Each structure stands twice: as C-alpha cells, then as structure tokens.
Amino acid sequence: MLQHVTLEVAPADIERSIELWTLLGFRQVEPPAALAEIFVCLEREGTQIHLERNESPTVPPHGHAAVVVADFDRTVEQLREHGFEVAPGREHWGAPRAKALAPGGHRVELMATPPG
C-alpha cells in the first residue's frame, strides 16, 4: 500500500489544492501536531496526499500522481466546472485517462479504471 505522497505547494495555492483533491474524493484529515504548521493532509481509502507549504515549491515537469476516480466523466466535468484545467490523455488498458493541472503546476492523472 502506498501510504502518502508529499507535494510542495506555495502557501497561496493551498486552498485551491485542497479543493482539487476534495473533488477527487479525498477529505482533509488532521496531521500530527508537530507537522500542522507545514502540512495539510488529505486522505482517501487509506492513501494520503500531504501538501507541504513551501515558498519555492519544486514541481517536476513530468512526474505526477495518478488517481482512479469512481465516475470518470463526471469527475472531469466537475473539475472543469470549478475552473481546473483538464486535458484528455491517451487511453491505456482500454480505459480513458486525463491530466488535471493542480494549482502551482502539479499534474494529476485521472484514470477511469486501474490497469489490468
């Protein structure tokens, strides 16, 4: 099981980042008290995304998180309705994919189904 992924996010982009991950089915959870000033934690089915407040975040040009979403078409529609950029991706393993652009430039791959 992958427990968490940490993404560096500029403080000004934290609230919008929370909105994106919430639309992907994650809910905000309390980080350990010692980390609360730096991290915002979101969780879905035991997997967490840690948003690290960082004045100069590093954003990989190709690296990304990939998330299987329950209703692919509706999720893409909701993200667009909330002003997030979503581009169609290439279909793999017989299922559609897309890439959403998170605040600050992180890419999030949306998958209709997992491989296999």
PDB file of N, CA and C in Angstrom:
ATOM      1  N   MET A   1       0.846  -1.185   0.000  1.00  0.00           N
ATOM      2  CA  MET A   1       0.000   0.000   0.000  1.00  0.00           C
ATOM      3  C   MET A   1       0.888   1.244   0.000  1.00  0.00           C
ATOM      4  N   LEU A   2       0.579   2.180  -0.826  1.00  0.00           N
ATOM      5  CA  LEU A   2       1.234   3.484  -0.804  1.00  0.00           C
ATOM      6  C   LEU A   2       0.490   4.318   0.232  1.00  0.00           C
ATOM      7  N   GLN A   3       1.192   4.754   1.277  1.00  0.00           N
ATOM      8  CA  GLN A   3       0.526   5.472   2.365  1.00  0.00           C
ATOM      9  C   GLN A   3       0.359   6.949   2.046  1.00  0.00           C
ATOM     10  N   HIS A   4       1.409   7.609   1.530  1.00  0.00           N
ATOM     11  CA  HIS A   4       1.233   9.017   1.178  1.00  0.00           C
ATOM     12  C   HIS A   4       2.246   9.480   0.129  1.00  0.00           C
ATOM     13  N   VAL A   5       1.880  10.589  -0.480  1.00  0.00           N
ATOM     14  CA  VAL A   5       2.740  11.317  -1.405  1.00  0.00           C
ATOM     15  C   VAL A   5       2.750  12.754  -0.912  1.00  0.00           C
ATOM     16  N   THR A   6       3.918  13.382  -0.898  1.00  0.00           N
ATOM     17  CA  THR A   6       4.030  14.777  -0.491  1.00  0.00           C
ATOM     18  C   THR A   6       4.264  15.640  -1.726  1.00  0.00           C
ATOM     19  N   LEU A   7       3.488  16.703  -1.829  1.00  0.00           N
ATOM     20  CA  LEU A   7       3.633  17.668  -2.916  1.00  0.00           C
ATOM     21  C   LEU A   7       3.946  19.027  -2.306  1.00  0.00           C
ATOM     22  N   GLU A   8       4.978  19.665  -2.801  1.00  0.00           N
ATOM     23  CA  GLU A   8       5.318  21.018  -2.337  1.00  0.00           C
ATOM     24  C   GLU A   8       4.374  22.000  -3.021  1.00  0.00           C
ATOM     25  N   VAL A   9       3.754  22.858  -2.222  1.00  0.00           N
ATOM     26  CA  VAL A   9       2.756  23.801  -2.744  1.00  0.00           C
ATOM     27  C   VAL A   9       2.999  25.174  -2.129  1.00  0.00           C
ATOM     28  N   ALA A  10       2.974  26.199  -2.949  1.00  0.00           N
ATOM     29  CA  ALA A  10       3.101  27.567  -2.430  1.00  0.00           C
ATOM     30  C   ALA A  10       1.924  27.848  -1.501  1.00  0.00           C
ATOM     31  N   PRO A  11       2.154  28.544  -0.404  1.00  0.00           N
ATOM     32  CA  PRO A  11       1.063  28.827   0.535  1.00  0.00           C
ATOM     33  C   PRO A  11      -0.177  29.439  -0.140  1.00  0.00           C
ATOM     34  N   ALA A  12       0.034  30.289  -1.133  1.00  0.00           N
ATOM     35  CA  ALA A  12      -1.100  30.915  -1.825  1.00  0.00           C
ATOM     36  C   ALA A  12      -1.944  29.912  -2.608  1.00  0.00           C
ATOM     37  N   ASP A  13      -1.393  28.729  -2.902  1.00  0.00           N
ATOM     38  CA  ASP A  13      -2.104  27.720  -3.686  1.00  0.00           C
ATOM     39  C   ASP A  13      -2.725  26.608  -2.839  1.00  0.00           C
ATOM     40  N   ILE A  14      -2.555  26.666  -1.530  1.00  0.00           N
ATOM     41  CA  ILE A  14      -3.028  25.578  -0.670  1.00  0.00           C
ATOM     42  C   ILE A  14      -4.547  25.394  -0.755  1.00  0.00           C
ATOM     43  N   GLU A  15      -5.315  26.450  -0.600  1.00  0.00           N
ATOM     44  CA  GLU A  15      -6.786  26.302  -0.571  1.00  0.00           C
ATOM     45  C   GLU A  15      -7.311  25.727  -1.881  1.00  0.00           C
ATOM     46  N   ARG A  16      -6.799  26.193  -3.003  1.00  0.00           N
ATOM     47  CA  ARG A  16      -7.240  25.666  -4.308  1.00  0.00           C
ATOM     48  C   ARG A  16      -6.802  24.216  -4.468  1.00  0.00           C
ATOM     49  N   SER A  17      -5.638  23.881  -3.938  1.00  0.00           N
ATOM     50  CA  SER A  17      -5.167  22.498  -3.996  1.00  0.00           C
ATOM     51  C   SER A  17      -6.083  21.586  -3.177  1.00  0.00           C
ATOM     52  N   ILE A  18      -6.489  22.050  -2.016  1.00  0.00           N
ATOM     53  CA  ILE A  18      -7.440  21.287  -1.197  1.00  0.00           C
ATOM     54  C   ILE A  18      -8.727  21.065  -1.981  1.00  0.00           C
ATOM     55  N   GLU A  19      -9.190  22.091  -2.670  1.00  0.00           N
ATOM     56  CA  GLU A  19     -10.421  21.971  -3.468  1.00  0.00           C
ATOM     57  C   GLU A  19     -10.272  20.889  -4.542  1.00  0.00           C
ATOM     58  N   LEU A  20      -9.155  20.884  -5.257  1.00  0.00           N
ATOM     59  CA  LEU A  20      -8.944  19.878  -6.299  1.00  0.00           C
ATOM     60  C   LEU A  20      -8.975  18.472  -5.717  1.00  0.00           C
ATOM     61  N   TRP A  21      -8.205  18.240  -4.663  1.00  0.00           N
ATOM     62  CA  TRP A  21      -8.141  16.898  -4.087  1.00  0.00           C
ATOM     63  C   TRP A  21      -9.474  16.474  -3.482  1.00  0.00           C
ATOM     64  N   THR A  22     -10.238  17.426  -2.965  1.00  0.00           N
ATOM     65  CA  THR A  22     -11.578  17.120  -2.448  1.00  0.00           C
ATOM     66  C   THR A  22     -12.489  16.667  -3.580  1.00  0.00           C
ATOM     67  N   LEU A  23     -12.399  17.326  -4.726  1.00  0.00           N
ATOM     68  CA  LEU A  23     -13.191  16.913  -5.895  1.00  0.00           C
ATOM     69  C   LEU A  23     -12.796  15.516  -6.381  1.00  0.00           C
ATOM     70  N   LEU A  24     -11.587  15.081  -6.047  1.00  0.00           N
ATOM     71  CA  LEU A  24     -11.122  13.741  -6.420  1.00  0.00           C
ATOM     72  C   LEU A  24     -11.445  12.700  -5.347  1.00  0.00           C
ATOM     73  N   GLY A  25     -12.234  13.091  -4.358  1.00  0.00           N
ATOM     74  CA  GLY A  25     -12.702  12.141  -3.356  1.00  0.00           C
ATOM     75  C   GLY A  25     -11.889  12.080  -2.076  1.00  0.00           C
ATOM     76  N   PHE A  26     -10.910  12.956  -1.927  1.00  0.00           N
ATOM     77  CA  PHE A  26     -10.106  12.990  -0.712  1.00  0.00           C
ATOM     78  C   PHE A  26     -10.780  13.914   0.305  1.00  0.00           C
ATOM     79  N   ARG A  27     -10.528  13.648   1.579  1.00  0.00           N
ATOM     80  CA  ARG A  27     -11.047  14.524   2.628  1.00  0.00           C
ATOM     81  C   ARG A  27      -9.887  14.956   3.507  1.00  0.00           C
ATOM     82  N   GLN A  28      -9.991  16.168   4.015  1.00  0.00           N
ATOM     83  CA  GLN A  28      -8.919  16.695   4.849  1.00  0.00           C
ATOM     84  C   GLN A  28      -8.916  15.976   6.197  1.00  0.00           C
ATOM     85  N   VAL A  29      -7.716  15.596   6.651  1.00  0.00           N
ATOM     86  CA  VAL A  29      -7.530  14.951   7.954  1.00  0.00           C
ATOM     87  C   VAL A  29      -6.467  15.736   8.725  1.00  0.00           C
ATOM     88  N   GLU A  30      -6.490  15.581  10.036  1.00  0.00           N
ATOM     89  CA  GLU A  30      -5.536  16.296  10.884  1.00  0.00           C
ATOM     90  C   GLU A  30      -4.138  15.686  10.775  1.00  0.00           C
ATOM     91  N   PRO A  31      -3.138  16.501  10.484  1.00  0.00           N
ATOM     92  CA  PRO A  31      -1.759  15.998  10.531  1.00  0.00           C
ATOM     93  C   PRO A  31      -1.319  15.908  11.989  1.00  0.00           C
ATOM     94  N   PRO A  32      -0.228  15.199  12.263  1.00  0.00           N
ATOM     95  CA  PRO A  32       0.313  15.216  13.620  1.00  0.00           C
ATOM     96  C   PRO A  32       0.589  16.666  14.039  1.00  0.00           C
ATOM     97  N   ALA A  33       0.379  16.973  15.296  1.00  0.00           N
ATOM     98  CA  ALA A  33       0.517  18.350  15.790  1.00  0.00           C
ATOM     99  C   ALA A  33       1.857  18.983  15.406  1.00  0.00           C
ATOM    100  N   ALA A  34       2.933  18.211  15.451  1.00  0.00           N
ATOM    101  CA  ALA A  34       4.256  18.748  15.132  1.00  0.00           C
ATOM    102  C   ALA A  34       4.391  19.149  13.662  1.00  0.00           C
ATOM    103  N   LEU A  35       3.500  18.662  12.802  1.00  0.00           N
ATOM    104  CA  LEU A  35       3.573  18.943  11.361  1.00  0.00           C
ATOM    105  C   LEU A  35       2.494  19.911  10.873  1.00  0.00           C
ATOM    106  N   ALA A  36       1.568  20.259  11.731  1.00  0.00           N
ATOM    107  CA  ALA A  36       0.382  21.020  11.315  1.00  0.00           C
ATOM    108  C   ALA A  36       0.687  22.386  10.703  1.00  0.00           C
ATOM    109  N   GLU A  37       1.781  23.033  11.110  1.00  0.00           N
ATOM    110  CA  GLU A  37       2.108  24.343  10.533  1.00  0.00           C
ATOM    111  C   GLU A  37       2.602  24.232   9.101  1.00  0.00           C
ATOM    112  N   ILE A  38       3.148  23.100   8.757  1.00  0.00           N
ATOM    113  CA  ILE A  38       3.761  22.941   7.430  1.00  0.00           C
ATOM    114  C   ILE A  38       2.875  22.161   6.471  1.00  0.00           C
ATOM    115  N   PHE A  39       2.161  21.158   6.975  1.00  0.00           N
ATOM    116  CA  PHE A  39       1.441  20.228   6.097  1.00  0.00           C
ATOM    117  C   PHE A  39      -0.071  20.316   6.226  1.00  0.00           C
ATOM    118  N   VAL A  40      -0.738  20.136   5.093  1.00  0.00           N
ATOM    119  CA  VAL A  40      -2.172  19.869   5.034  1.00  0.00           C
ATOM    120  C   VAL A  40      -2.271  18.440   4.525  1.00  0.00           C
ATOM    121  N   CYS A  41      -3.044  17.601   5.204  1.00  0.00           N
ATOM    122  CA  CYS A  41      -3.160  16.192   4.824  1.00  0.00           C
ATOM    123  C   CYS A  41      -4.573  15.892   4.350  1.00  0.00           C
ATOM    124  N   LEU A  42      -4.638  15.171   3.250  1.00  0.00           N
ATOM    125  CA  LEU A  42      -5.920  14.711   2.714  1.00  0.00           C
ATOM    126  C   LEU A  42      -5.833  13.208   2.543  1.00  0.00           C
ATOM    127  N   GLU A  43      -6.978  12.523   2.676  1.00  0.00           N
ATOM    128  CA  GLU A  43      -6.953  11.065   2.645  1.00  0.00           C
ATOM    129  C   GLU A  43      -8.160  10.504   1.904  1.00  0.00           C
ATOM    130  N   ARG A  44      -7.910   9.409   1.206  1.00  0.00           N
ATOM    131  CA  ARG A  44      -8.975   8.630   0.560  1.00  0.00           C
ATOM    132  C   ARG A  44      -8.580   7.165   0.647  1.00  0.00           C
ATOM    133  N   GLU A  45      -9.414   6.383   1.286  1.00  0.00           N
ATOM    134  CA  GLU A  45      -9.223   4.932   1.371  1.00  0.00           C
ATOM    135  C   GLU A  45      -7.816   4.553   1.840  1.00  0.00           C
ATOM    136  N   GLY A  46      -7.312   5.262   2.848  1.00  0.00           N
ATOM    137  CA  GLY A  46      -6.013   4.922   3.428  1.00  0.00           C
ATOM    138  C   GLY A  46      -4.807   5.541   2.751  1.00  0.00           C
ATOM    139  N   THR A  47      -4.986   6.167   1.615  1.00  0.00           N
ATOM    140  CA  THR A  47      -3.878   6.837   0.931  1.00  0.00           C
ATOM    141  C   THR A  47      -3.989   8.336   1.174  1.00  0.00           C
ATOM    142  N   GLN A  48      -2.863   8.940   1.517  1.00  0.00           N
ATOM    143  CA  GLN A  48      -2.868  10.367   1.813  1.00  0.00           C
ATOM    144  C   GLN A  48      -2.052  11.164   0.802  1.00  0.00           C
ATOM    145  N   ILE A  49      -2.472  12.407   0.627  1.00  0.00           N
ATOM    146  CA  ILE A  49      -1.717  13.414  -0.103  1.00  0.00           C
ATOM    147  C   ILE A  49      -1.340  14.453   0.939  1.00  0.00           C
ATOM    148  N   HIS A  50      -0.049  14.731   1.073  1.00  0.00           N
ATOM    149  CA  HIS A  50       0.429  15.749   2.003  1.00  0.00           C
ATOM    150  C   HIS A  50       0.829  16.970   1.183  1.00  0.00           C
ATOM    151  N   LEU A  51       0.172  18.069   1.441  1.00  0.00           N
ATOM    152  CA  LEU A  51       0.507  19.325   0.782  1.00  0.00           C
ATOM    153  C   LEU A  51       1.449  20.075   1.712  1.00  0.00           C
ATOM    154  N   GLU A  52       2.696  20.199   1.280  1.00  0.00           N
ATOM    155  CA  GLU A  52       3.713  20.870   2.092  1.00  0.00           C
ATOM    156  C   GLU A  52       3.797  22.332   1.695  1.00  0.00           C
ATOM    157  N   ARG A  53       3.520  23.209   2.641  1.00  0.00           N
ATOM    158  CA  ARG A  53       3.650  24.642   2.371  1.00  0.00           C
ATOM    159  C   ARG A  53       5.125  24.948   2.129  1.00  0.00           C
ATOM    160  N   ASN A  54       5.408  25.553   0.973  1.00  0.00           N
ATOM    161  CA  ASN A  54       6.796  25.828   0.602  1.00  0.00           C
ATOM    162  C   ASN A  54       6.804  27.078  -0.266  1.00  0.00           C
ATOM    163  N   GLU A  55       7.557  28.068   0.145  1.00  0.00           N
ATOM    164  CA  GLU A  55       7.607  29.340  -0.599  1.00  0.00           C
ATOM    165  C   GLU A  55       8.193  29.175  -2.000  1.00  0.00           C
ATOM    166  N   SER A  56       9.040  28.183  -2.205  1.00  0.00           N
ATOM    167  CA  SER A  56       9.646  27.928  -3.518  1.00  0.00           C
ATOM    168  C   SER A  56       9.460  26.450  -3.870  1.00  0.00           C
ATOM    169  N   PRO A  57       8.220  26.050  -4.171  1.00  0.00           N
ATOM    170  CA  PRO A  57       7.972  24.625  -4.407  1.00  0.00           C
ATOM    171  C   PRO A  57       8.677  24.096  -5.654  1.00  0.00           C
ATOM    172  N   THR A  58       9.079  22.848  -5.557  1.00  0.00           N
ATOM    173  CA  THR A  58       9.626  22.138  -6.699  1.00  0.00           C
ATOM    174  C   THR A  58       8.483  21.361  -7.339  1.00  0.00           C
ATOM    175  N   VAL A  59       8.306  21.559  -8.641  1.00  0.00           N
ATOM    176  CA  VAL A  59       7.248  20.863  -9.373  1.00  0.00           C
ATOM    177  C   VAL A  59       7.903  20.119 -10.533  1.00  0.00           C
ATOM    178  N   PRO A  60       7.875  18.782 -10.500  1.00  0.00           N
ATOM    179  CA  PRO A  60       8.516  18.037 -11.585  1.00  0.00           C
ATOM    180  C   PRO A  60       7.774  18.263 -12.904  1.00  0.00           C
ATOM    181  N   PRO A  61       8.505  18.409 -14.005  1.00  0.00           N
ATOM    182  CA  PRO A  61       7.854  18.687 -15.282  1.00  0.00           C
ATOM    183  C   PRO A  61       7.012  17.523 -15.817  1.00  0.00           C
ATOM    184  N   HIS A  62       7.363  16.290 -15.458  1.00  0.00           N
ATOM    185  CA  HIS A  62       6.618  15.135 -15.980  1.00  0.00           C
ATOM    186  C   HIS A  62       6.058  14.248 -14.880  1.00  0.00           C
ATOM    187  N   GLY A  63       6.641  14.309 -13.705  1.00  0.00           N
ATOM    188  CA  GLY A  63       6.170  13.483 -12.603  1.00  0.00           C
ATOM    189  C   GLY A  63       4.747  13.859 -12.217  1.00  0.00           C
ATOM    190  N   HIS A  64       3.996  12.890 -11.741  1.00  0.00           N
ATOM    191  CA  HIS A  64       2.601  13.160 -11.390  1.00  0.00           C
ATOM    192  C   HIS A  64       2.067  12.078 -10.466  1.00  0.00           C
ATOM    193  N   ALA A  65       0.984  12.394  -9.802  1.00  0.00           N
ATOM    194  CA  ALA A  65       0.217  11.406  -9.053  1.00  0.00           C
ATOM    195  C   ALA A  65      -0.896  10.927  -9.976  1.00  0.00           C
ATOM    196  N   ALA A  66      -1.285   9.668  -9.849  1.00  0.00           N
ATOM    197  CA  ALA A  66      -2.384   9.119 -10.649  1.00  0.00           C
ATOM    198  C   ALA A  66      -3.458   8.614  -9.700  1.00  0.00           C
ATOM    199  N   VAL A  67      -4.714   8.949 -10.012  1.00  0.00           N
ATOM    200  CA  VAL A  67      -5.833   8.609  -9.145  1.00  0.00           C
ATOM    201  C   VAL A  67      -6.931   7.948  -9.972  1.00  0.00           C
ATOM    202  N   VAL A  68      -7.396   6.788  -9.509  1.00  0.00           N
ATOM    203  CA  VAL A  68      -8.566   6.154 -10.115  1.00  0.00           C
ATOM    204  C   VAL A  68      -9.787   6.867  -9.549  1.00  0.00           C
ATOM    205  N   VAL A  69     -10.661   7.351 -10.425  1.00  0.00           N
ATOM    206  CA  VAL A  69     -11.864   8.066  -9.975  1.00  0.00           C
ATOM    207  C   VAL A  69     -13.101   7.229 -10.277  1.00  0.00           C
ATOM    208  N   ALA A  70     -14.079   7.298  -9.387  1.00  0.00           N
ATOM    209  CA  ALA A  70     -15.273   6.447  -9.484  1.00  0.00           C
ATOM    210  C   ALA A  70     -16.088   6.728 -10.742  1.00  0.00           C
ATOM    211  N   ASP A  71     -16.327   7.977 -11.057  1.00  0.00           N
ATOM    212  CA  ASP A  71     -17.113   8.355 -12.234  1.00  0.00           C
ATOM    213  C   ASP A  71     -16.254   9.299 -13.066  1.00  0.00           C
ATOM    214  N   PHE A  72     -15.518   8.726 -14.009  1.00  0.00           N
ATOM    215  CA  PHE A  72     -14.517   9.473 -14.769  1.00  0.00           C
ATOM    216  C   PHE A  72     -15.111  10.708 -15.437  1.00  0.00           C
ATOM    217  N   ASP A  73     -16.163  10.540 -16.236  1.00  0.00           N
ATOM    218  CA  ASP A  73     -16.729  11.673 -16.984  1.00  0.00           C
ATOM    219  C   ASP A  73     -17.238  12.768 -16.052  1.00  0.00           C
ATOM    220  N   ARG A  74     -17.916  12.380 -14.987  1.00  0.00           N
ATOM    221  CA  ARG A  74     -18.454  13.364 -14.042  1.00  0.00           C
ATOM    222  C   ARG A  74     -17.317  14.081 -13.311  1.00  0.00           C
ATOM    223  N   THR A  75     -16.280  13.362 -12.952  1.00  0.00           N
ATOM    224  CA  THR A  75     -15.154  13.988 -12.261  1.00  0.00           C
ATOM    225  C   THR A  75     -14.479  15.022 -13.154  1.00  0.00           C
ATOM    226  N   VAL A  76     -14.238  14.674 -14.410  1.00  0.00           N
ATOM    227  CA  VAL A  76     -13.641  15.628 -15.352  1.00  0.00           C
ATOM    228  C   VAL A  76     -14.537  16.860 -15.482  1.00  0.00           C
ATOM    229  N   GLU A  77     -15.831  16.634 -15.603  1.00  0.00           N
ATOM    230  CA  GLU A  77     -16.794  17.736 -15.730  1.00  0.00           C
ATOM    231  C   GLU A  77     -16.762  18.631 -14.486  1.00  0.00           C
ATOM    232  N   GLN A  78     -16.756  18.034 -13.306  1.00  0.00           N
ATOM    233  CA  GLN A  78     -16.737  18.814 -12.067  1.00  0.00           C
ATOM    234  C   GLN A  78     -15.462  19.641 -11.938  1.00  0.00           C
ATOM    235  N   LEU A  79     -14.335  19.050 -12.273  1.00  0.00           N
ATOM    236  CA  LEU A  79     -13.087  19.796 -12.205  1.00  0.00           C
ATOM    237  C   LEU A  79     -13.137  21.006 -13.127  1.00  0.00           C
ATOM    238  N   ARG A  80     -13.621  20.809 -14.321  1.00  0.00           N
ATOM    239  CA  ARG A  80     -13.729  21.934 -15.271  1.00  0.00           C
ATOM    240  C   ARG A  80     -14.713  22.980 -14.773  1.00  0.00           C
ATOM    241  N   GLU A  81     -15.837  22.541 -14.198  1.00  0.00           N
ATOM    242  CA  GLU A  81     -16.826  23.481 -13.657  1.00  0.00           C
ATOM    243  C   GLU A  81     -16.224  24.339 -12.549  1.00  0.00           C
ATOM    244  N   HIS A  82     -15.251  23.800 -11.836  1.00  0.00           N
ATOM    245  CA  HIS A  82     -14.598  24.531 -10.754  1.00  0.00           C
ATOM    246  C   HIS A  82     -13.356  25.289 -11.228  1.00  0.00           C
ATOM    247  N   GLY A  83     -13.163  25.342 -12.539  1.00  0.00           N
ATOM    248  CA  GLY A  83     -12.093  26.156 -13.106  1.00  0.00           C
ATOM    249  C   GLY A  83     -10.733  25.498 -13.215  1.00  0.00           C
ATOM    250  N   PHE A  84     -10.692  24.176 -13.054  1.00  0.00           N
ATOM    251  CA  PHE A  84      -9.419  23.475 -13.206  1.00  0.00           C
ATOM    252  C   PHE A  84      -9.226  23.054 -14.658  1.00  0.00           C
ATOM    253  N   GLU A  85      -7.990  23.149 -15.126  1.00  0.00           N
ATOM    254  CA  GLU A  85      -7.645  22.733 -16.489  1.00  0.00           C
ATOM    255  C   GLU A  85      -7.514  21.210 -16.518  1.00  0.00           C
ATOM    256  N   VAL A  86      -8.241  20.574 -17.440  1.00  0.00           N
ATOM    257  CA  VAL A  86      -8.180  19.116 -17.596  1.00  0.00           C
ATOM    258  C   VAL A  86      -8.011  18.823 -19.082  1.00  0.00           C
ATOM    259  N   ALA A  87      -6.959  18.096 -19.428  1.00  0.00           N
ATOM    260  CA  ALA A  87      -6.693  17.744 -20.826  1.00  0.00           C
ATOM    261  C   ALA A  87      -6.898  16.239 -21.012  1.00  0.00           C
ATOM    262  N   PRO A  88      -7.508  15.848 -22.121  1.00  0.00           N
ATOM    263  CA  PRO A  88      -7.653  14.411 -22.378  1.00  0.00           C
ATOM    264  C   PRO A  88      -6.284  13.753 -22.475  1.00  0.00           C
ATOM    265  N   GLY A  89      -6.210  12.525 -22.016  1.00  0.00           N
ATOM    266  CA  GLY A  89      -4.976  11.760 -22.111  1.00  0.00           C
ATOM    267  C   GLY A  89      -5.166  10.596 -23.071  1.00  0.00           C
ATOM    268  N   ARG A  90      -4.091   9.867 -23.279  1.00  0.00           N
ATOM    269  CA  ARG A  90      -4.176   8.682 -24.139  1.00  0.00           C
ATOM    270  C   ARG A  90      -4.811   7.557 -23.353  1.00  0.00           C
ATOM    271  N   GLU A  91      -5.634   6.795 -24.030  1.00  0.00           N
ATOM    272  CA  GLU A  91      -6.272   5.650 -23.399  1.00  0.00           C
ATOM    273  C   GLU A  91      -5.254   4.529 -23.232  1.00  0.00           C
ATOM    274  N   HIS A  92      -5.244   3.939 -22.044  1.00  0.00           N
ATOM    275  CA  HIS A  92      -4.384   2.795 -21.770  1.00  0.00           C
ATOM    276  C   HIS A  92      -5.223   1.710 -21.113  1.00  0.00           C
ATOM    277  N   TRP A  93      -4.895   0.469 -21.382  1.00  0.00           N
ATOM    278  CA  TRP A  93      -5.601  -0.669 -20.806  1.00  0.00           C
ATOM    279  C   TRP A  93      -7.109  -0.583 -21.044  1.00  0.00           C
ATOM    280  N   GLY A  94      -7.495   0.017 -22.179  1.00  0.00           N
ATOM    281  CA  GLY A  94      -8.904   0.075 -22.547  1.00  0.00           C
ATOM    282  C   GLY A  94      -9.752   1.044 -21.758  1.00  0.00           C
ATOM    283  N   ALA A  95      -9.136   2.004 -21.074  1.00  0.00           N
ATOM    284  CA  ALA A  95      -9.902   2.954 -20.263  1.00  0.00           C
ATOM    285  C   ALA A  95      -9.401   4.378 -20.490  1.00  0.00           C
ATOM    286  N   PRO A  96     -10.310   5.349 -20.457  1.00  0.00           N
ATOM    287  CA  PRO A  96      -9.899   6.741 -20.679  1.00  0.00           C
ATOM    288  C   PRO A  96      -9.076   7.289 -19.513  1.00  0.00           C
ATOM    289  N   ARG A  97      -8.276   8.289 -19.861  1.00  0.00           N
ATOM    290  CA  ARG A  97      -7.442   8.994 -18.892  1.00  0.00           C
ATOM    291  C   ARG A  97      -7.438  10.475 -19.239  1.00  0.00           C
ATOM    292  N   ALA A  98      -7.077  11.264 -18.259  1.00  0.00           N
ATOM    293  CA  ALA A  98      -6.948  12.704 -18.461  1.00  0.00           C
ATOM    294  C   ALA A  98      -5.891  13.210 -17.485  1.00  0.00           C
ATOM    295  N   LYS A  99      -5.411  14.416 -17.744  1.00  0.00           N
ATOM    296  CA  LYS A  99      -4.462  15.055 -16.827  1.00  0.00           C
ATOM    297  C   LYS A  99      -5.069  16.376 -16.364  1.00  0.00           C
ATOM    298  N   ALA A 100      -5.157  16.519 -15.047  1.00  0.00           N
ATOM    299  CA  ALA A 100      -5.621  17.765 -14.444  1.00  0.00           C
ATOM    300  C   ALA A 100      -4.390  18.546 -13.998  1.00  0.00           C
ATOM    301  N   LEU A 101      -4.481  19.852 -14.095  1.00  0.00           N
ATOM    302  CA  LEU A 101      -3.385  20.710 -13.654  1.00  0.00           C
ATOM    303  C   LEU A 101      -3.780  21.315 -12.314  1.00  0.00           C
ATOM    304  N   ALA A 102      -3.030  20.961 -11.288  1.00  0.00           N
ATOM    305  CA  ALA A 102      -3.290  21.465  -9.939  1.00  0.00           C
ATOM    306  C   ALA A 102      -2.667  22.852  -9.793  1.00  0.00           C
ATOM    307  N   PRO A 103      -3.124  23.618  -8.815  1.00  0.00           N
ATOM    308  CA  PRO A 103      -2.500  24.920  -8.572  1.00  0.00           C
ATOM    309  C   PRO A 103      -1.001  24.759  -8.371  1.00  0.00           C
ATOM    310  N   GLY A 104      -0.245  25.659  -8.946  1.00  0.00           N
ATOM    311  CA  GLY A 104       1.205  25.595  -8.815  1.00  0.00           C
ATOM    312  C   GLY A 104       1.873  24.709  -9.839  1.00  0.00           C
ATOM    313  N   GLY A 105       1.091  23.994 -10.656  1.00  0.00           N
ATOM    314  CA  GLY A 105       1.661  23.237 -11.758  1.00  0.00           C
ATOM    315  C   GLY A 105       1.771  21.744 -11.612  1.00  0.00           C
ATOM    316  N   HIS A 106       1.430  21.182 -10.458  1.00  0.00           N
ATOM    317  CA  HIS A 106       1.466  19.721 -10.335  1.00  0.00           C
ATOM    318  C   HIS A 106       0.429  19.097 -11.263  1.00  0.00           C
ATOM    319  N   ARG A 107       0.804  17.976 -11.867  1.00  0.00           N
ATOM    320  CA  ARG A 107      -0.111  17.242 -12.733  1.00  0.00           C
ATOM    321  C   ARG A 107      -0.701  16.072 -11.956  1.00  0.00           C
ATOM    322  N   VAL A 108      -1.992  15.817 -12.196  1.00  0.00           N
ATOM    323  CA  VAL A 108      -2.679  14.692 -11.577  1.00  0.00           C
ATOM    324  C   VAL A 108      -3.365  13.914 -12.688  1.00  0.00           C
ATOM    325  N   GLU A 109      -2.946  12.672 -12.845  1.00  0.00           N
ATOM    326  CA  GLU A 109      -3.563  11.817 -13.869  1.00  0.00           C
ATOM    327  C   GLU A 109      -4.847  11.229 -13.307  1.00  0.00           C
ATOM    328  N   LEU A 110      -5.909  11.323 -14.089  1.00  0.00           N
ATOM    329  CA  LEU A 110      -7.204  10.767 -13.724  1.00  0.00           C
ATOM    330  C   LEU A 110      -7.404   9.491 -14.535  1.00  0.00           C
ATOM    331  N   MET A 111      -7.748   8.415 -13.854  1.00  0.00           N
ATOM    332  CA  MET A 111      -7.897   7.114 -14.511  1.00  0.00           C
ATOM    333  C   MET A 111      -9.326   6.611 -14.293  1.00  0.00           C
ATOM    334  N   ALA A 112      -9.968   6.140 -15.364  1.00  0.00           N
ATOM    335  CA  ALA A 112     -11.311   5.573 -15.228  1.00  0.00           C
ATOM    336  C   ALA A 112     -11.273   4.230 -14.506  1.00  0.00           C
ATOM    337  N   THR A 113     -10.239   3.450 -14.778  1.00  0.00           N
ATOM    338  CA  THR A 113     -10.047   2.163 -14.110  1.00  0.00           C
ATOM    339  C   THR A 113      -8.554   1.928 -13.922  1.00  0.00           C
ATOM    340  N   PRO A 114      -8.186   1.104 -12.953  1.00  0.00           N
ATOM    341  CA  PRO A 114      -6.777   0.781 -12.802  1.00  0.00           C
ATOM    342  C   PRO A 114      -6.337  -0.194 -13.895  1.00  0.00           C
ATOM    343  N   PRO A 115      -5.039  -0.329 -14.119  1.00  0.00           N
ATOM    344  CA  PRO A 115      -4.560  -1.301 -15.108  1.00  0.00           C
ATOM    345  C   PRO A 115      -4.980  -2.717 -14.742  1.00  0.00           C
ATOM    346  N   GLY A 116      -5.160  -3.532 -15.780  1.00  0.00           N
ATOM    347  CA  GLY A 116      -5.487  -4.943 -15.563  1.00  0.00           C
ATOM    348  C   GLY A 116      -6.896  -5.124 -15.298  1.00  0.00           C
TER     349      GLY A 116
END
